Protein backbone atom coordinates (compact mmCIF):
# COMPACT_ATOMS: atom_id res chain seq x y z
CA MET A 1 151.74 18.83 11.32
CA THR A 2 155.20 20.01 12.18
CA ILE A 3 155.82 23.72 11.73
CA GLU A 4 158.21 24.93 9.20
CA LEU A 5 160.78 27.63 10.22
CA ALA A 6 162.75 29.78 7.78
CA PRO A 7 165.13 32.64 8.53
CA LEU A 8 163.76 36.13 8.22
CA PRO A 9 164.95 38.13 5.25
CA LEU A 10 167.67 40.46 6.67
CA PRO A 11 168.22 43.92 5.12
CA ALA A 12 171.61 44.72 3.63
CA SER A 13 172.50 46.82 6.77
CA ALA A 14 172.26 43.78 9.08
CA ASP A 15 175.39 41.79 10.12
CA PRO A 16 174.25 38.16 9.38
CA SER A 17 176.68 36.67 11.87
CA LYS A 18 174.72 38.50 14.78
CA PHE A 19 171.34 36.99 13.48
CA THR A 20 172.04 33.32 13.18
CA ASP A 21 169.51 32.60 15.88
CA PHE A 22 167.25 35.75 15.81
CA GLY A 23 163.96 35.68 13.99
CA ARG A 24 162.13 33.00 12.02
CA GLU A 25 159.22 32.95 9.56
CA VAL A 26 156.73 30.10 10.47
CA LYS A 27 155.11 28.34 7.62
CA GLY A 28 152.34 25.80 7.11
CA VAL A 29 150.28 26.50 10.23
CA ASP A 30 147.33 28.83 10.99
CA PRO A 31 148.41 30.73 14.25
CA GLY A 32 144.82 31.31 15.17
CA ASN A 33 143.99 27.55 15.19
CA LEU A 34 147.19 25.88 16.62
CA THR A 35 146.93 22.40 17.81
CA PRO A 36 148.51 21.70 21.26
CA GLU A 37 151.46 20.16 19.54
CA GLN A 38 151.93 22.93 17.07
CA PHE A 39 151.56 25.48 19.90
CA SER A 40 154.39 23.51 21.78
CA GLU A 41 156.67 24.00 18.84
CA VAL A 42 155.80 27.76 18.32
CA TYR A 43 156.45 28.23 22.14
CA GLU A 44 159.84 26.69 21.79
CA ALA A 45 160.67 28.53 18.61
CA LEU A 46 159.70 31.93 20.04
CA TYR A 47 162.10 31.62 23.06
CA LYS A 48 164.90 30.18 20.86
CA HIS A 49 164.51 32.95 18.06
CA SER A 50 162.98 35.98 19.92
CA ALA A 51 160.65 36.90 17.01
CA LEU A 52 158.35 34.87 14.76
CA LEU A 53 156.62 35.97 11.49
CA PHE A 54 153.51 34.49 10.23
CA ARG A 55 152.48 35.87 6.65
CA ASN A 56 149.03 36.25 5.21
CA VAL A 57 147.14 35.47 8.49
CA ALA A 58 143.43 35.99 9.11
CA LEU A 59 143.07 36.51 12.85
CA THR A 60 140.23 37.82 15.16
CA PRO A 61 140.86 39.70 18.28
CA GLU A 62 139.43 36.79 20.20
CA GLN A 63 142.17 34.51 18.42
CA GLN A 64 144.90 36.96 19.00
CA TYR A 65 143.98 37.26 22.68
CA ALA A 66 143.96 33.40 23.07
CA LEU A 67 147.10 32.89 21.17
CA THR A 68 148.86 35.51 23.46
CA LYS A 69 147.37 34.02 26.67
CA ALA A 70 148.55 30.65 25.76
CA PHE A 71 152.15 31.74 26.55
CA ASP A 72 150.86 32.61 30.17
CA PRO A 73 147.65 30.96 30.85
CA GLU A 74 147.35 32.63 34.16
CA SER A 75 147.58 36.11 32.83
CA GLU A 76 144.47 38.16 32.22
CA SER A 77 144.75 41.94 31.94
CA TYR A 78 146.37 43.96 29.20
CA GLY A 79 150.01 44.57 30.07
CA HIS A 80 149.33 48.17 31.18
CA GLY A 81 146.11 47.58 32.95
CA ASN A 82 142.65 48.78 32.02
CA ASN A 83 143.60 52.29 30.55
CA LYS A 84 140.84 53.81 32.60
CA THR A 85 142.81 55.16 35.54
CA GLU A 86 144.02 58.71 36.33
CA SER A 87 147.53 57.62 35.76
CA ALA A 88 146.68 56.22 32.31
CA LYS A 89 145.25 59.42 31.00
CA LYS A 90 148.18 61.46 32.08
CA SER A 91 150.57 58.77 30.64
CA ILE A 92 152.56 59.42 27.44
CA LEU A 93 151.02 56.18 26.15
CA HIS A 94 147.46 57.29 26.42
CA PRO A 95 147.07 58.81 23.00
CA ASP A 96 148.51 55.79 21.24
CA LEU A 97 146.07 53.27 22.46
CA LYS A 98 142.26 52.27 21.50
CA THR A 99 140.79 49.40 23.09
CA ILE A 100 138.84 46.80 21.14
CA PRO A 101 135.49 46.98 23.11
CA ARG A 102 134.54 43.22 23.21
CA VAL A 103 138.30 42.10 23.72
CA PRO A 104 139.76 44.77 25.99
CA GLN A 105 143.13 42.99 26.09
CA VAL A 106 143.70 43.80 22.36
CA GLN A 107 144.49 47.52 21.42
CA LEU A 108 144.04 49.15 18.18
CA ILE A 109 147.17 51.16 17.17
CA GLY A 110 148.18 53.05 13.89
CA ASN A 111 147.63 56.24 12.12
CA GLY A 112 144.66 58.12 10.58
CA MET A 113 141.03 57.67 10.75
CA VAL A 114 139.59 54.22 11.04
CA TYR A 115 135.83 53.65 10.77
CA ASP A 116 133.44 50.81 11.82
CA HIS A 117 136.24 48.73 13.29
CA GLU A 118 135.56 45.68 15.52
CA GLY A 119 132.83 47.62 17.58
CA LEU A 120 134.44 50.95 17.34
CA GLU A 121 132.34 53.36 15.22
CA SER A 122 135.49 55.42 14.54
CA ALA A 123 138.96 55.93 15.92
CA ALA A 124 141.46 58.71 15.34
CA LEU A 125 144.77 57.02 15.37
CA LYS A 126 148.19 58.76 15.72
CA HIS A 127 151.59 57.19 15.03
CA PRO A 128 153.98 58.10 17.63
CA SER A 129 156.61 60.59 16.46
CA HIS A 130 159.97 61.55 17.87
CA THR A 131 158.87 65.18 17.11
CA THR A 132 156.61 65.23 20.13
CA PHE A 133 159.01 63.13 22.43
CA HIS A 134 162.71 64.01 21.71
CA LYS A 135 164.62 67.04 22.98
CA THR A 136 165.56 67.87 19.26
CA ARG A 137 163.95 66.85 16.11
CA VAL A 138 164.85 66.22 12.49
CA SER A 139 164.14 69.49 10.64
CA GLU A 140 160.92 69.56 8.60
CA GLU A 141 163.08 69.99 5.45
CA ASP A 142 165.07 66.89 6.25
CA GLU A 143 161.85 65.06 7.10
CA ARG A 144 160.51 65.86 3.67
CA LYS A 145 163.81 64.26 2.45
CA GLY A 146 162.80 61.06 4.17
CA TYR A 147 165.01 61.38 7.32
CA THR A 148 163.44 60.32 10.56
CA ARG A 149 164.50 58.63 13.97
CA PHE A 150 163.69 55.72 16.26
CA TYR A 151 160.76 56.81 18.69
CA ARG A 152 161.47 55.18 21.98
CA TRP A 153 163.38 51.84 22.55
CA HIS A 154 161.39 49.88 25.15
CA ILE A 155 160.17 46.74 26.62
CA ASP A 156 156.21 46.39 26.68
CA ALA A 157 155.67 46.84 30.33
CA ALA A 158 153.64 49.07 32.87
CA LEU A 159 156.79 48.87 35.22
CA TYR A 160 154.50 49.64 38.03
CA ASP A 161 152.05 47.20 39.76
CA TYR A 162 151.94 44.82 36.79
CA ASN A 163 154.74 42.33 35.51
CA PRO A 164 156.19 42.62 32.22
CA PRO A 165 154.38 40.46 29.59
CA ARG A 166 156.14 37.48 28.29
CA VAL A 167 155.14 37.93 24.70
CA THR A 168 153.62 40.59 22.54
CA THR A 169 151.58 39.92 19.42
CA LEU A 170 151.37 42.46 16.56
CA TYR A 171 148.90 41.95 13.67
CA GLY A 172 149.05 44.27 10.70
CA ILE A 173 145.61 44.89 9.21
CA LYS A 174 146.12 48.04 7.12
CA VAL A 175 149.74 48.80 6.06
CA PRO A 176 150.24 51.93 3.89
CA THR A 177 152.98 51.77 1.31
CA GLY A 178 155.42 54.68 0.70
CA PRO A 179 159.07 55.55 0.05
CA ARG A 180 161.67 54.10 2.56
CA GLN A 181 163.03 56.44 5.19
CA ILE A 182 166.44 56.82 6.78
CA VAL A 183 166.80 56.72 10.50
CA ARG A 184 169.32 59.23 11.77
CA TYR A 185 170.93 58.57 15.16
CA ASP A 186 172.00 62.20 15.42
CA ASP A 187 174.41 61.47 18.39
CA GLY A 188 177.74 62.44 16.82
CA THR A 189 178.42 59.00 15.36
CA GLY A 190 177.08 59.57 11.83
CA ASP A 191 175.13 56.38 12.15
CA GLU A 192 172.00 55.97 9.83
CA LEU A 193 169.82 53.26 8.98
CA PRO A 194 167.52 52.71 5.89
CA VAL A 195 164.18 51.46 6.95
CA PRO A 196 160.83 50.60 5.41
CA LEU A 197 158.00 53.14 5.95
CA GLY A 198 156.59 52.46 9.42
CA THR A 199 158.81 49.70 10.34
CA THR A 200 158.87 48.28 13.88
CA ALA A 201 162.52 47.97 14.79
CA PHE A 202 164.04 45.20 16.99
CA VAL A 203 167.21 44.44 18.73
CA SER A 204 168.11 41.40 20.63
CA GLY A 205 168.64 41.54 24.46
CA LYS A 206 170.81 38.42 24.19
CA THR A 207 173.13 40.27 21.61
CA MET A 208 173.00 43.36 23.91
CA PHE A 209 174.46 41.36 26.77
CA ASP A 210 176.94 39.08 24.53
CA ILE A 211 178.84 42.18 23.09
CA LEU A 212 179.36 43.77 26.53
CA PRO A 213 182.98 43.91 27.63
CA ARG A 214 183.71 41.58 30.45
CA GLU A 215 183.61 44.40 33.23
CA TYR A 216 180.12 45.36 32.07
CA LYS A 217 178.82 41.86 32.03
CA SER A 218 180.14 41.46 35.63
CA LEU A 219 178.18 44.62 36.66
CA ALA A 220 175.07 43.69 34.64
CA VAL A 221 174.65 40.33 36.36
CA ARG A 222 175.02 41.93 39.76
CA THR A 223 172.48 44.83 39.27
CA LYS A 224 168.79 45.46 39.71
CA VAL A 225 166.91 48.32 38.19
CA ARG A 226 164.25 50.22 40.28
CA TYR A 227 161.77 51.91 38.13
CA ALA A 228 159.91 55.12 38.90
CA PRO A 229 156.36 54.96 40.29
CA HIS A 230 153.84 55.56 37.35
CA PRO A 231 156.94 55.86 35.13
CA TYR A 232 154.97 57.02 31.93
CA VAL A 233 153.36 59.83 33.94
CA TRP A 234 156.70 60.49 35.64
CA MET A 235 158.59 60.85 32.37
CA ALA A 236 155.86 62.62 30.52
CA PRO A 237 157.21 66.24 30.88
CA ALA A 238 160.85 65.10 30.06
CA ARG A 239 162.41 64.69 26.68
CA ALA A 240 164.38 61.81 24.96
CA MET A 241 167.76 61.47 23.43
CA PRO A 242 167.91 61.67 19.72
CA THR A 243 168.48 57.92 19.53
CA GLY A 244 165.19 57.22 21.48
CA LEU A 245 167.33 55.19 23.94
CA GLY A 246 166.49 56.97 27.14
CA ILE A 247 165.69 60.33 28.56
CA GLU A 248 167.90 63.57 28.61
CA THR A 249 168.57 64.52 32.25
CA GLU A 250 167.19 68.06 32.66
CA GLY A 251 165.13 67.75 35.79
CA LEU A 252 161.85 67.74 33.98
CA GLU A 253 160.45 64.55 35.34
CA LEU A 254 157.31 64.81 37.33
CA PRO A 255 158.07 65.16 41.15
CA LEU A 256 157.06 61.99 42.94
CA ASN A 257 154.62 64.01 45.11
CA GLU A 258 152.79 65.19 42.03
CA LEU A 259 152.36 61.74 40.59
CA PRO A 260 148.82 59.99 40.94
CA PRO A 261 148.65 58.05 44.14
CA TRP A 262 151.23 55.33 44.41
CA GLU A 263 152.29 52.61 46.84
CA GLU A 264 155.79 51.57 47.49
CA SER A 265 154.76 47.71 47.31
CA LYS A 266 153.86 48.38 43.69
CA VAL A 267 156.94 49.96 42.61
CA LYS A 268 159.02 47.50 40.42
CA THR A 269 162.55 46.42 40.84
CA PHE A 270 163.80 43.90 38.31
CA PRO A 271 167.26 42.22 37.31
CA MET A 272 169.14 44.12 34.64
CA VAL A 273 169.62 40.87 33.03
CA TRP A 274 166.71 38.27 32.42
CA LYS A 275 167.21 34.58 31.99
CA ASN A 276 165.53 32.83 29.02
CA PRO A 277 163.24 30.10 30.46
CA VAL A 278 163.90 27.88 27.49
CA THR A 279 167.56 28.40 26.45
CA GLY A 280 168.98 29.52 29.62
CA GLU A 281 170.66 32.54 27.87
CA LEU A 282 170.88 35.98 29.55
CA HIS A 283 169.19 38.93 27.78
CA PHE A 284 169.94 42.48 28.92
CA GLN A 285 166.40 43.81 29.48
CA VAL A 286 166.18 47.45 30.71
CA HIS A 287 163.55 50.05 29.77
CA PRO A 288 165.91 53.08 29.84
CA CYS A 289 163.23 55.73 29.92
CA GLY A 290 161.63 54.58 33.02
CA ALA A 291 164.65 53.55 35.13
CA GLN A 292 165.21 55.50 38.29
CA GLU A 293 167.82 53.79 40.34
CA LEU A 294 170.24 51.01 40.05
CA ILE A 295 171.21 48.60 42.94
CA ILE A 296 174.35 46.88 42.56
CA ASP A 297 175.47 43.82 44.58
CA PRO A 298 179.03 43.39 45.60
CA LEU A 299 181.26 40.95 43.82
CA PRO A 300 180.89 37.41 44.97
CA GLU A 301 183.56 36.19 47.57
CA GLY A 302 186.61 34.90 45.75
CA VAL A 303 186.14 36.65 42.46
CA LYS A 304 188.90 38.66 41.16
CA ARG A 305 188.42 42.39 41.64
CA ASP A 306 190.94 43.73 39.12
CA GLY A 307 189.11 46.07 36.87
CA ALA A 308 185.65 45.40 38.31
CA LEU A 309 183.14 48.25 38.43
CA TYR A 310 181.76 48.87 41.75
CA PRO A 311 183.31 45.72 43.44
CA ASN A 312 181.83 46.60 46.69
CA GLY A 313 178.31 47.22 45.36
CA ALA A 314 176.42 50.57 45.28
CA HIS A 315 173.00 52.08 45.14
CA LEU A 316 173.02 54.78 42.37
CA LYS A 317 170.28 57.28 42.72
CA ASP A 318 171.58 60.08 40.76
CA LEU A 319 169.59 60.04 37.46
CA ASN A 320 172.28 61.16 35.34
CA LYS A 321 174.73 58.56 36.50
CA VAL A 322 172.02 55.91 36.14
CA ARG A 323 171.32 57.06 32.59
CA SER A 324 174.76 57.46 31.55
CA LEU A 325 175.54 54.02 32.66
CA LEU A 326 172.60 52.43 30.94
CA TYR A 327 173.33 54.16 27.86
CA LYS A 328 177.03 52.79 27.80
CA PHE A 329 175.53 49.32 28.17
CA GLN A 330 172.63 49.65 25.56
CA ARG A 331 174.01 52.03 22.77
CA PRO A 332 176.26 49.39 21.20
CA ALA A 333 173.30 47.07 20.48
CA ILE A 334 171.37 49.66 18.59
CA ALA A 335 174.13 49.99 15.93
CA PRO A 336 172.66 49.81 12.46
CA GLN A 337 174.11 46.31 11.77
CA LEU A 338 172.48 44.98 14.87
CA VAL A 339 168.83 46.28 14.05
CA TYR A 340 166.01 44.14 12.43
CA PRO A 341 163.49 46.61 10.88
CA HIS A 342 160.57 44.63 9.99
CA ASP A 343 159.19 45.19 6.51
CA TRP A 344 155.45 45.02 7.26
CA GLN A 345 152.86 43.53 4.88
CA GLU A 346 149.16 43.47 5.42
CA ARG A 347 148.02 40.51 7.39
CA ASP A 348 151.47 39.88 8.97
CA LEU A 349 151.37 38.63 12.48
CA VAL A 350 154.56 39.09 14.49
CA LEU A 351 155.11 37.45 17.83
CA PHE A 352 158.10 38.55 19.98
CA HIS A 353 159.62 37.55 23.34
CA ASN A 354 158.95 40.73 25.08
CA ARG A 355 161.44 39.61 27.85
CA GLY A 356 164.23 39.07 25.31
CA VAL A 357 164.11 42.06 22.90
CA LEU A 358 163.77 45.69 22.83
CA HIS A 359 161.81 47.43 20.04
CA THR A 360 160.53 50.87 18.93
CA VAL A 361 158.11 52.58 16.50
CA VAL A 362 159.90 54.22 13.77
CA GLY A 363 159.08 57.03 11.23
CA VAL A 364 156.57 59.48 10.16
CA PHE A 365 153.19 59.07 8.24
CA GLU A 366 151.06 61.66 6.61
CA PRO A 367 147.60 62.10 8.33
CA ASP A 368 145.83 60.51 5.25
CA GLN A 369 148.18 57.35 5.35
CA VAL A 370 145.88 55.02 7.28
CA ARG A 371 147.55 52.20 9.37
CA ALA A 372 145.76 49.75 11.63
CA PHE A 373 147.29 47.18 13.80
CA HIS A 374 146.08 44.95 16.60
CA GLN A 375 148.46 44.58 19.53
CA CYS A 376 148.06 42.30 22.52
CA ASN A 377 150.35 41.59 25.52
CA LEU A 378 149.35 40.56 28.91
CA ALA A 379 150.54 41.53 32.40
CA ALA A 380 152.47 38.34 33.35
CA SER A 381 151.69 36.04 36.08
CA ASP A 382 155.42 36.04 37.22
CA VAL A 383 158.38 38.19 37.37
CA PRO A 384 161.33 37.85 35.17
CA GLN A 385 164.02 35.79 36.47
CA GLY A 386 167.52 37.04 36.80
CA PRO A 387 170.83 35.34 36.44
CA SER A 388 171.24 32.11 38.66
CA ALA A 389 174.02 31.96 41.15
CA PRO A 390 176.26 30.08 38.70
CA ASP A 391 175.62 32.81 35.99
CA VAL A 392 176.80 35.39 38.51
CA LEU A 393 179.92 33.48 39.33
CA LYS A 394 180.53 32.81 35.56
CA TRP A 395 180.42 36.44 34.57
CA ALA A 396 181.28 38.43 37.78
């Protein structure tokens, strides 16, 4: 049976011309019981369209793990490791995750109290909020009026020791309903975005690269990003920008000598731009909160130097410079018309190409609004591939 693909319904805020290839709803198949032929079609579709939606799905944790693993059969552990180390307990991610006991690669996330759930007698879940992570916050008065913010734009990745997962699967089990909210960017632009309650917002890394001016494309294909050791522990004392797109530089990061023990060999350095293994397209894929240094190669021999940034290469270690440059690269791609805010329904299953998109939690729930999702991503068996030599020559 051939799978059927339909475009995702876009909100009125979206620019349809920027979403011609992004996102598809998959119909006519059960994602928990795909034949090899059906999975092959789903695999191709995910890399071509970055996000796939299956509606009205019944999916066990075992099936979700198996589906996620099928995209990377050699992968095994949850994308951030086993969540039992000293570094995990000090991480800003620690309060957000509860492990399903019999399938530890699947995490329970959400909001409110959940009882007798897949081997968990009870779980107190807390929806991440910008109020605990941003330097500034939406006032309580405005929050009551429905205003909110993006929490943290990111890639699902440990960014230390483990490789970024290829795919993340998110399964909505309990989805509360309520009034829509309005994301405020609060960065002086006046940008706002109406969103469904508790949306997961996505932006395309391909679009992020495609809309860059030529001199930024040249820099992107020549640059690697070095992430801090134990980045989620390192960044924990710091506070984020109002857009959720990176950290304010105030010197609040944990000093490297105060981090849990770390090894230089496990520190991760990845290309700024990742090559899609199916389409060959380039996706701008940087987790701005964890980035510590930028390593820039010089322009290739024979390439015009007029207007080029860092034509002789550079190694940027000044955090303020690193973050300022990344923000210039990434901020245009989270403009309201380029964001897909998914309107969750119960039993939705969303698969997304974790090496091709950035995403964020959004909004605020009341304590009695119970939300329960299963999330699965697996530390990859390979590293993301950067631009090829012909790509560098093309864009440099």
